[in-house]
């Protein structure tokens, strides 16, 4: 919000390319039996992309407000969908780390 006007809007093209790359990586890993490291990369890279989308959408909302579009319900829904995408990825990362921690505890006991 403190950035110059339209400073991060060009980031949207890079994020779209990253999202496309993520889709093709998911498609290739499903065909060729992807490993756990590819899954982890997809998870963290997807988190990075959707955090970037939150920045871009915030800039777009500010620009729309400057141009007179004061539909705060639509703007809040845009940010809410970004938040849900980030929350899901963080939740998956936390569940994966918890499962790994439980697995290490079981190995120590045996």
Protein backbone atom coordinates (compact mmCIF):
# COMPACT_ATOMS: atom_id res chain seq x y z
CA UNK A 1 0.00 0.00 0.00
CA UNK A 2 2.99 2.29 0.47
CA UNK A 3 4.45 1.47 -2.96
CA UNK A 4 4.27 3.85 -5.88
CA UNK A 5 1.17 3.54 -8.01
CA UNK A 6 1.17 0.59 -10.43
CA UNK A 7 4.61 -0.54 -9.25
CA UNK A 8 3.74 -4.21 -8.73
CA UNK A 9 1.11 -4.65 -11.42
CA UNK A 10 3.74 -5.89 -13.89
CA UNK A 11 4.41 -8.73 -11.45
CA UNK A 12 1.11 -10.29 -12.56
CA UNK A 13 2.60 -11.51 -15.84
CA UNK A 14 5.47 -13.24 -14.07
CA UNK A 15 3.09 -14.82 -11.59
CA UNK A 16 0.85 -16.08 -14.38
CA UNK A 17 3.88 -17.65 -16.07
CA UNK A 18 4.88 -19.23 -12.76
CA UNK A 19 1.38 -20.60 -12.30
CA UNK A 20 1.48 -22.06 -15.79
CA UNK A 21 4.86 -23.63 -15.04
CA UNK A 22 3.43 -25.07 -11.83
CA UNK A 23 0.52 -26.59 -13.75
CA UNK A 24 2.82 -28.25 -16.28
CA UNK A 25 5.07 -29.54 -13.50
CA UNK A 26 2.04 -31.06 -11.75
CA UNK A 27 0.92 -32.63 -15.02
CA UNK A 28 4.38 -34.09 -15.71
CA UNK A 29 4.79 -35.42 -12.17
CA UNK A 30 1.41 -37.15 -12.34
CA UNK A 31 2.41 -38.89 -15.59
CA UNK A 32 5.98 -39.77 -14.65
CA UNK A 33 5.45 -40.62 -10.95
CA UNK A 34 6.73 -37.52 -9.22
CA UNK A 35 8.83 -37.72 -6.08
CA UNK A 36 8.34 -36.15 -2.68
CA UNK A 37 10.90 -33.44 -3.43
CA UNK A 38 8.91 -32.32 -6.49
CA UNK A 39 5.76 -32.21 -4.34
CA UNK A 40 7.58 -30.08 -1.77
CA UNK A 41 8.85 -27.74 -4.50
CA UNK A 42 5.34 -27.40 -5.94
CA UNK A 43 3.96 -26.61 -2.51
CA UNK A 44 6.46 -23.89 -1.61
CA UNK A 45 6.56 -22.44 -5.13
CA UNK A 46 2.75 -22.32 -5.16
CA UNK A 47 2.80 -20.54 -1.81
CA UNK A 48 5.23 -17.98 -3.20
CA UNK A 49 3.07 -17.45 -6.29
CA UNK A 50 -0.14 -16.92 -4.34
CA UNK A 51 1.51 -14.52 -1.90
CA UNK A 52 2.63 -12.60 -4.97
CA UNK A 53 -0.94 -12.63 -6.26
CA UNK A 54 -2.05 -11.07 -2.97
CA UNK A 55 0.38 -8.20 -3.61
CA UNK A 56 -0.79 -7.75 -7.21
CA UNK A 57 -4.47 -7.90 -6.28
CA UNK A 58 -3.92 -5.36 -3.52
CA UNK A 59 -2.32 -3.01 -6.05
CA UNK A 60 -5.22 -3.57 -8.46
CA UNK A 61 -7.77 -2.81 -5.73
CA UNK A 62 -5.96 0.42 -4.85
CA UNK A 63 -5.86 1.44 -8.51
CA UNK A 64 -9.55 0.65 -8.96
CA UNK A 65 -10.34 2.73 -5.87
CA UNK A 66 -8.38 5.66 -7.29
CA UNK A 67 -10.42 5.36 -10.49
CA UNK A 68 -13.69 5.42 -8.56
CA UNK A 69 -14.62 1.73 -8.22
CA UNK A 70 -15.61 1.54 -4.55
CA UNK A 71 -17.20 -1.93 -4.61
CA UNK A 72 -15.62 -3.11 -1.38
CA UNK A 73 -17.51 -6.42 -1.40
CA UNK A 74 -15.95 -7.48 -4.71
CA UNK A 75 -12.53 -6.29 -3.56
CA UNK A 76 -12.75 -8.18 -0.29
CA UNK A 77 -13.84 -11.36 -2.11
CA UNK A 78 -10.81 -11.06 -4.39
CA UNK A 79 -8.47 -10.88 -1.41
CA UNK A 80 -10.41 -13.62 0.37
CA UNK A 81 -9.84 -16.08 -2.50
CA UNK A 82 -6.12 -15.23 -2.42
CA UNK A 83 -6.09 -15.75 1.32
CA UNK A 84 -7.77 -19.14 0.99
CA UNK A 85 -5.18 -20.27 -1.58
CA UNK A 86 -2.35 -19.24 0.76
CA UNK A 87 -4.06 -20.75 3.82
CA UNK A 88 -4.53 -24.12 2.10
CA UNK A 89 -0.87 -24.31 1.18
CA UNK A 90 0.27 -23.33 4.66
CA UNK A 91 -2.08 -25.94 6.13
CA UNK A 92 -0.68 -28.66 3.85
CA UNK A 93 2.88 -27.68 4.78
CA UNK A 94 2.04 -27.83 8.49
CA UNK A 95 0.34 -31.23 8.13
CA UNK A 96 3.27 -32.59 6.13
CA UNK A 97 5.76 -31.36 8.75
CA UNK A 98 3.64 -32.85 11.54
CA UNK A 99 3.52 -36.22 9.79
CA UNK A 100 7.29 -36.15 9.25
CA UNK A 101 7.84 -35.31 12.91
CA UNK A 102 5.62 -38.22 14.01
CA UNK A 103 7.50 -40.54 11.68
CA UNK A 104 10.84 -39.49 13.18
CA UNK A 105 9.49 -40.10 16.69
CA UNK A 106 8.42 -43.62 15.75
CA UNK A 107 11.85 -44.36 14.30
CA UNK A 108 13.55 -43.17 17.51
CA UNK A 109 11.36 -45.44 19.63
CA UNK A 110 12.20 -48.51 17.56
